[in-house]
Amino acid sequence: MLQPHHQPEDDLASLIEAARFYDYRVASNPMADGGVPPVPGVRFSASLHEQGPTLIVPLDNSRALGCPGPATTPSLSANFLHVHSGDALATDANATSQLFYVMRGEGISRVADAAGTVLPWSAGDLFTLPAGSPATHIAGEEAALYWVHDEPLLRYLGAAATRPRFAATLYRQGAIHEALEAVLHDPESRKANRLSVLLGNHRFPREMTVTHVLWAMFGILPVGAVQAPHRHQSVAVDFVVDAQPGCYTMVGARLANDGSIADGERFDWERHSVFVTPPGLWHSHHNESGQPAHVLPIQDAGLHTYLRTLSILFSRSTADGGHQVVDNAS
């Protein structure tokens, strides 16, 4: 039987000092009163990586998010890497997942892992690295890479990424486009809301995502296309692979009677630029440029899929000129 324990008053005070109690009606949604700031829709120009020295350019939005930086979203940090010919640039992050897309140039990445992995890359390639993967990127010619990782999520959790959940994986440009072409030639694709391919990894067959946290889609926006509004609870960091003026995304909180986005904000696409689509907002993609465009959204949807919280919804036109909301893309 436990004996009574008399806690010294000073010790007891230190144990209870941090305790707080909040009225549920006020505290159940701290975003409603601005206590937790929303994720803003921000844009980062390609000019950030088109000139200047060899360096890492964080796409930092931490001040607006009210969190330690650098952070582009509450869970993800996106960065541009600019590496001059013959230069080397080191990257390291306390992250479970890192994704690199090569915007231009060619080179190799030496990974300081147990296998001594060396990844060759050129424009249009994409590769992923797991936890514990500091790397040195060496450019054979002037190069720029897009780097996204989940260190802000680990920082919030107060955790260290120590166990790799997958191995370094290379997705060649030719293989990516071949997979997309297969989707385009599928007769059923004519009815699809999106024409795109999701990048996956054999370690995550259930989630079908590029890592257990990150989700990556390589999609085409055909000439004249209007991809109807959809929304999801994961935040999207959208990288424009290529586009001509006249390609844009509309983002808004509600739909009009015809299913289009009401009172939306327009995000014009610029080649090799980035914009953030906040979670929970409707967004549609439009191509009025006369040339096809490609986009690479990176999301924390791998984590949301595991948590069963992704909740992706699509607006679909009806025969009477209205719209309905459905939970699939077909």
Protein backbone atom coordinates (compact mmCIF):
# COMPACT_ATOMS: atom_id res chain seq x y z
CA MET A 1 0.00 0.00 0.00
CA LEU A 2 1.33 3.41 -0.95
CA GLN A 3 2.32 5.55 1.96
CA PRO A 4 1.05 9.15 2.06
CA HIS A 5 3.54 11.50 0.50
CA HIS A 6 3.74 15.06 1.65
CA GLN A 7 4.94 17.20 -1.27
CA PRO A 8 6.83 20.35 -0.24
CA GLU A 9 4.77 23.40 -1.13
CA ASP A 10 7.46 24.82 -3.43
CA ASP A 11 7.69 21.55 -5.40
CA LEU A 12 3.92 21.30 -5.69
CA ALA A 13 3.70 24.88 -6.98
CA SER A 14 6.22 24.11 -9.72
CA LEU A 15 4.16 21.10 -10.84
CA ILE A 16 0.90 22.97 -11.20
CA GLU A 17 2.23 26.37 -12.36
CA ALA A 18 1.87 25.62 -16.08
CA ALA A 19 -1.69 24.27 -15.90
CA ARG A 20 -4.37 26.33 -17.68
CA PHE A 21 -8.13 25.90 -18.23
CA TYR A 22 -10.07 27.33 -21.18
CA ASP A 23 -13.75 27.64 -21.98
CA TYR A 24 -14.40 25.18 -24.82
CA ARG A 25 -16.53 27.75 -26.66
CA VAL A 26 -13.50 30.01 -26.96
CA ALA A 27 -10.63 27.54 -27.19
CA SER A 28 -12.00 24.83 -29.49
CA ASN A 29 -11.08 26.80 -32.63
CA PRO A 30 -8.17 29.17 -31.92
CA MET A 31 -7.96 30.08 -35.62
CA ALA A 32 -11.34 31.80 -35.38
CA ASP A 33 -10.04 34.66 -33.25
CA GLY A 34 -6.56 34.77 -34.78
CA GLY A 35 -4.79 33.05 -31.91
CA VAL A 36 -3.38 30.60 -34.44
CA PRO A 37 -2.72 32.51 -37.68
CA PRO A 38 -3.95 30.91 -40.92
CA VAL A 39 -1.58 29.77 -43.66
CA PRO A 40 -1.37 32.69 -46.10
CA GLY A 41 -1.20 32.25 -49.85
CA VAL A 42 2.27 33.57 -50.68
CA ARG A 43 4.40 33.63 -53.81
CA PHE A 44 8.14 33.26 -54.38
CA SER A 45 9.60 34.43 -57.68
CA ALA A 46 12.03 32.51 -59.87
CA SER A 47 14.31 35.56 -59.71
CA LEU A 48 15.44 34.31 -56.28
CA HIS A 49 17.51 31.53 -57.88
CA GLU A 50 18.33 32.97 -61.30
CA GLN A 51 21.34 35.01 -60.22
CA GLY A 52 23.74 35.57 -57.34
CA PRO A 53 26.30 33.31 -55.66
CA THR A 54 26.13 29.64 -54.74
CA LEU A 55 23.70 29.57 -51.81
CA ILE A 56 20.51 28.24 -50.25
CA VAL A 57 17.50 30.57 -50.48
CA PRO A 58 14.84 29.62 -47.87
CA LEU A 59 11.29 30.44 -48.91
CA ASP A 60 10.55 31.63 -45.41
CA ASN A 61 7.04 32.48 -44.27
CA SER A 62 7.61 31.90 -40.55
CA ARG A 63 6.81 35.44 -39.39
CA ALA A 64 3.28 35.27 -40.84
CA LEU A 65 2.85 31.75 -39.44
CA GLY A 66 4.06 32.75 -35.98
CA CYS A 67 6.52 29.87 -35.78
CA PRO A 68 10.30 29.43 -35.72
CA GLY A 69 11.88 29.59 -39.14
CA PRO A 70 12.73 28.96 -41.76
CA ALA A 71 9.29 27.55 -42.59
CA THR A 72 7.18 27.91 -45.72
CA THR A 73 4.17 26.21 -44.11
CA PRO A 74 3.64 24.96 -40.54
CA SER A 75 5.12 21.57 -41.52
CA LEU A 76 7.30 22.18 -44.59
CA SER A 77 10.33 24.23 -45.57
CA ALA A 78 10.85 24.95 -49.27
CA ASN A 79 14.13 26.32 -50.58
CA PHE A 80 15.90 27.22 -53.80
CA LEU A 81 19.49 26.01 -54.24
CA HIS A 82 21.72 27.91 -56.65
CA VAL A 83 25.03 26.19 -57.46
CA HIS A 84 27.58 27.63 -59.85
CA SER A 85 29.56 25.34 -62.17
CA GLY A 86 32.26 23.51 -60.21
CA ASP A 87 30.88 24.64 -56.85
CA ALA A 88 29.59 22.42 -54.04
CA LEU A 89 26.68 23.24 -51.73
CA ALA A 90 25.88 21.28 -48.55
CA THR A 91 22.37 20.61 -47.26
CA ASP A 92 21.29 19.06 -43.99
CA ALA A 93 18.00 19.09 -42.11
CA ASN A 94 16.44 17.45 -39.08
CA ALA A 95 13.78 15.97 -41.34
CA THR A 96 12.16 12.62 -42.02
CA SER A 97 11.81 13.43 -45.73
CA GLN A 98 13.67 15.57 -48.24
CA LEU A 99 12.71 16.11 -51.86
CA PHE A 100 14.86 17.73 -54.56
CA TYR A 101 13.73 18.75 -58.06
CA VAL A 102 16.36 19.84 -60.56
CA MET A 103 15.27 23.03 -62.30
CA ARG A 104 18.35 23.37 -64.50
CA GLY A 105 21.91 22.17 -64.86
CA GLU A 106 23.52 18.84 -64.08
CA GLY A 107 25.69 17.39 -61.35
CA ILE A 108 25.87 14.86 -58.54
CA SER A 109 24.81 14.72 -54.90
CA ARG A 110 27.04 12.86 -52.43
CA VAL A 111 25.01 11.63 -49.45
CA ALA A 112 26.73 11.08 -46.10
CA ASP A 113 24.82 7.87 -45.38
CA ALA A 114 26.01 4.37 -44.56
CA ALA A 115 25.92 3.37 -48.23
CA GLY A 116 27.88 6.41 -49.42
CA THR A 117 25.12 7.12 -51.94
CA VAL A 118 25.98 9.18 -55.01
CA LEU A 119 23.04 10.52 -57.03
CA PRO A 120 23.65 11.81 -60.58
CA TRP A 121 21.08 14.34 -61.75
CA SER A 122 20.14 16.63 -64.60
CA ALA A 123 17.30 19.03 -65.40
CA GLY A 124 13.87 17.53 -64.76
CA ASP A 125 15.05 14.80 -62.38
CA LEU A 126 13.67 14.47 -58.86
CA PHE A 127 15.11 12.60 -55.89
CA THR A 128 14.20 11.98 -52.27
CA LEU A 129 16.40 11.47 -49.19
CA PRO A 130 15.37 10.03 -45.82
CA ALA A 131 16.28 10.99 -42.26
CA GLY A 132 19.99 11.30 -41.58
CA SER A 133 20.99 12.33 -45.09
CA PRO A 134 23.29 15.34 -45.14
CA ALA A 135 24.36 15.82 -48.74
CA THR A 136 26.80 17.80 -50.85
CA HIS A 137 25.56 18.91 -54.26
CA ILE A 138 28.25 19.44 -56.89
CA ALA A 139 27.33 21.17 -60.14
CA GLY A 140 28.96 20.15 -63.40
CA GLU A 141 27.32 23.18 -64.94
CA GLU A 142 25.40 26.08 -63.38
CA ALA A 143 22.44 24.51 -61.61
CA ALA A 144 19.35 25.28 -59.56
CA LEU A 145 17.42 22.81 -57.43
CA TYR A 146 14.17 23.05 -55.51
CA TRP A 147 14.42 21.50 -52.01
CA VAL A 148 11.47 20.70 -49.72
CA HIS A 149 11.67 18.97 -46.33
CA ASP A 150 9.62 18.55 -43.17
CA GLU A 151 11.98 20.01 -40.54
CA PRO A 152 9.34 22.55 -39.34
CA LEU A 153 7.11 19.61 -38.35
CA LEU A 154 9.95 17.98 -36.38
CA ARG A 155 10.80 21.32 -34.78
CA TYR A 156 7.21 21.71 -33.56
CA LEU A 157 7.15 18.15 -32.20
CA GLY A 158 10.48 18.62 -30.43
CA ALA A 159 11.67 15.46 -32.13
CA ALA A 160 14.79 14.28 -33.93
CA ALA A 161 14.58 12.28 -37.16
CA THR A 162 16.92 9.36 -36.46
CA ARG A 163 15.53 6.34 -38.35
CA PRO A 164 15.30 6.32 -42.15
CA ARG A 165 11.91 5.07 -43.37
CA PHE A 166 13.00 4.69 -47.01
CA ALA A 167 16.16 4.71 -49.10
CA ALA A 168 17.41 7.48 -51.36
CA THR A 169 15.29 7.33 -54.52
CA LEU A 170 15.84 8.85 -57.97
CA TYR A 171 12.97 9.68 -60.35
CA ARG A 172 14.36 10.37 -63.81
CA GLN A 173 12.72 13.02 -65.99
CA GLY A 174 12.07 10.51 -68.77
CA ALA A 175 10.33 8.09 -66.41
CA ILE A 176 8.17 10.85 -64.95
CA HIS A 177 7.00 12.00 -68.38
CA GLU A 178 6.48 8.41 -69.55
CA ALA A 179 4.17 7.78 -66.60
CA LEU A 180 2.28 11.00 -67.34
CA GLU A 181 1.91 10.05 -71.01
CA ALA A 182 0.35 6.74 -69.96
CA VAL A 183 -2.27 8.68 -68.00
CA LEU A 184 -2.93 11.00 -70.95
CA HIS A 185 -3.47 8.07 -73.34
CA ASP A 186 -5.90 6.29 -71.02
CA PRO A 187 -9.39 6.80 -72.57
CA GLU A 188 -10.86 7.25 -69.09
CA SER A 189 -8.66 10.32 -68.57
CA ARG A 190 -10.99 12.40 -70.73
CA LYS A 191 -13.41 12.52 -67.79
CA ALA A 192 -10.77 13.19 -65.12
CA ASN A 193 -10.62 16.37 -63.05
CA ARG A 194 -6.80 16.23 -63.02
CA LEU A 195 -4.30 14.86 -65.55
CA SER A 196 -1.33 13.96 -63.43
CA VAL A 197 0.84 11.23 -61.98
CA LEU A 198 1.55 10.75 -58.29
CA LEU A 199 5.11 9.84 -57.42
CA GLY A 200 5.30 6.90 -55.06
CA ASN A 201 7.75 4.66 -53.24
CA HIS A 202 7.54 0.89 -52.78
CA ARG A 203 7.90 1.36 -49.03
CA PHE A 204 4.50 3.07 -48.85
CA PRO A 205 2.08 1.00 -50.96
CA ARG A 206 -0.94 1.85 -48.82
CA GLU A 207 -0.50 5.63 -48.80
CA MET A 208 0.88 5.66 -52.40
CA THR A 209 2.94 8.76 -51.59
CA VAL A 210 6.52 9.78 -52.39
CA THR A 211 7.47 9.50 -48.68
CA HIS A 212 5.48 8.74 -45.55
CA VAL A 213 5.05 12.51 -44.98
CA LEU A 214 5.39 14.12 -48.41
CA TRP A 215 3.06 13.83 -51.40
CA ALA A 216 4.24 14.86 -54.87
CA MET A 217 2.22 15.18 -58.07
CA PHE A 218 3.55 15.89 -61.56
CA GLY A 219 0.65 17.27 -63.55
CA ILE A 220 -0.13 18.83 -66.90
CA LEU A 221 -2.51 21.72 -67.50
CA PRO A 222 -3.53 21.34 -71.15
CA VAL A 223 -4.19 24.25 -73.48
CA GLY A 224 -7.60 25.78 -72.75
CA ALA A 225 -8.10 23.64 -69.64
CA VAL A 226 -10.13 24.72 -66.65
CA GLN A 227 -9.53 22.20 -63.89
CA ALA A 228 -12.55 22.50 -61.64
CA PRO A 229 -12.18 23.56 -58.00
CA HIS A 230 -11.05 21.10 -55.38
CA ARG A 231 -9.79 21.37 -51.81
CA HIS A 232 -7.98 19.30 -49.19
CA GLN A 233 -6.76 19.66 -45.62
CA SER A 234 -3.09 19.32 -46.54
CA VAL A 235 -1.18 22.48 -47.40
CA ALA A 236 0.21 22.62 -50.96
CA VAL A 237 3.52 24.19 -51.92
CA ASP A 238 3.07 24.49 -55.68
CA PHE A 239 6.13 24.58 -57.93
CA VAL A 240 5.54 25.70 -61.53
CA VAL A 241 7.65 23.46 -63.77
CA ASP A 242 6.85 25.40 -66.94
CA ALA A 243 4.13 27.82 -68.02
CA GLN A 244 3.45 30.73 -70.33
CA PRO A 245 1.57 33.91 -69.33
CA GLY A 246 -2.13 33.13 -69.09
CA CYS A 247 -1.79 30.16 -66.72
CA TYR A 248 -3.10 30.79 -63.22
CA THR A 249 -4.76 29.36 -60.14
CA MET A 250 -7.83 30.81 -58.44
CA VAL A 251 -8.04 30.32 -54.65
CA GLY A 252 -11.01 31.08 -52.41
CA ALA A 253 -13.03 30.02 -49.41
CA ARG A 254 -16.39 29.41 -51.14
CA LEU A 255 -18.00 28.36 -54.39
CA ALA A 256 -20.47 30.31 -56.51
CA ASN A 257 -23.75 28.75 -57.63
CA ASP A 258 -22.15 27.52 -60.86
CA GLY A 259 -19.31 25.75 -59.02
CA SER A 260 -16.62 28.31 -59.79
CA ILE A 261 -14.66 30.00 -57.02
CA ALA A 262 -16.40 33.09 -55.63
CA ASP A 263 -14.32 36.15 -54.73
CA GLY A 264 -11.10 34.27 -55.36
CA GLU A 265 -7.47 35.41 -55.41
CA ARG A 266 -5.55 34.87 -58.66
CA PHE A 267 -2.07 33.31 -58.55
CA ASP A 268 -0.37 33.73 -61.92
CA TRP A 269 2.04 30.96 -62.86
CA GLU A 270 5.68 31.83 -63.53
CA ARG A 271 8.17 29.18 -64.66
CA HIS A 272 10.26 27.86 -61.76
CA SER A 273 8.38 29.91 -59.17
CA VAL A 274 6.46 28.75 -56.08
CA PHE A 275 3.13 29.63 -54.53
CA VAL A 276 1.40 28.29 -51.41
CA THR A 277 -2.20 27.07 -51.55
CA PRO A 278 -3.59 27.18 -47.98
CA PRO A 279 -5.31 24.08 -46.58
CA GLY A 280 -9.09 23.89 -46.76
CA LEU A 281 -9.48 26.48 -49.54
CA TRP A 282 -10.99 25.80 -52.94
CA HIS A 283 -8.62 26.18 -55.89
CA SER A 284 -8.96 25.78 -59.65
CA HIS A 285 -6.35 25.86 -62.42
CA HIS A 286 -6.74 27.70 -65.74
CA ASN A 287 -4.67 27.72 -68.94
CA GLU A 288 -5.41 30.56 -71.32
CA SER A 289 -1.83 30.74 -72.64
CA GLY A 290 -2.02 28.64 -75.81
CA GLN A 291 0.75 26.31 -74.53
CA PRO A 292 0.55 23.33 -72.15
CA ALA A 293 1.93 23.86 -68.64
CA HIS A 294 3.23 21.58 -65.90
CA VAL A 295 3.07 21.90 -62.13
CA LEU A 296 4.60 19.99 -59.21
CA PRO A 297 2.64 20.43 -55.95
CA ILE A 298 4.35 19.15 -52.81
CA GLN A 299 2.08 18.57 -49.83
CA ASP A 300 2.19 17.10 -46.33
CA ALA A 301 -0.56 14.77 -47.58
CA GLY A 302 1.40 11.61 -46.82
CA LEU A 303 0.99 12.43 -43.14
CA HIS A 304 -2.67 13.43 -43.62
CA THR A 305 -3.37 10.18 -45.47
CA TYR A 306 -1.91 8.19 -42.56
CA LEU A 307 -4.00 10.24 -40.10
CA ARG A 308 -7.15 9.83 -42.31
CA THR A 309 -7.61 13.61 -42.37
CA LEU A 310 -6.86 14.52 -46.01
CA SER A 311 -10.54 14.98 -46.98
CA ILE A 312 -10.04 15.83 -50.67
CA LEU A 313 -13.21 17.14 -52.36
CA PHE A 314 -13.97 18.10 -55.97
CA SER A 315 -16.59 20.39 -57.50
CA ARG A 316 -18.37 18.78 -60.45
CA SER A 317 -20.79 20.47 -62.87
CA THR A 318 -24.32 19.12 -63.11
CA ALA A 319 -26.64 18.95 -66.13
CA ASP A 320 -28.77 21.86 -64.88
CA GLY A 321 -25.78 24.25 -64.74
CA GLY A 322 -25.17 23.88 -61.03
CA HIS A 323 -22.54 21.84 -59.24
CA GLN A 324 -22.09 19.06 -56.72
CA VAL A 325 -19.21 18.26 -54.41
CA VAL A 326 -17.74 14.75 -54.67
CA ASP A 327 -14.89 12.94 -52.98
CA ASN A 328 -13.14 11.51 -56.04
CA ALA A 329 -11.31 12.93 -59.05
CA SER A 330 -12.94 10.89 -61.82
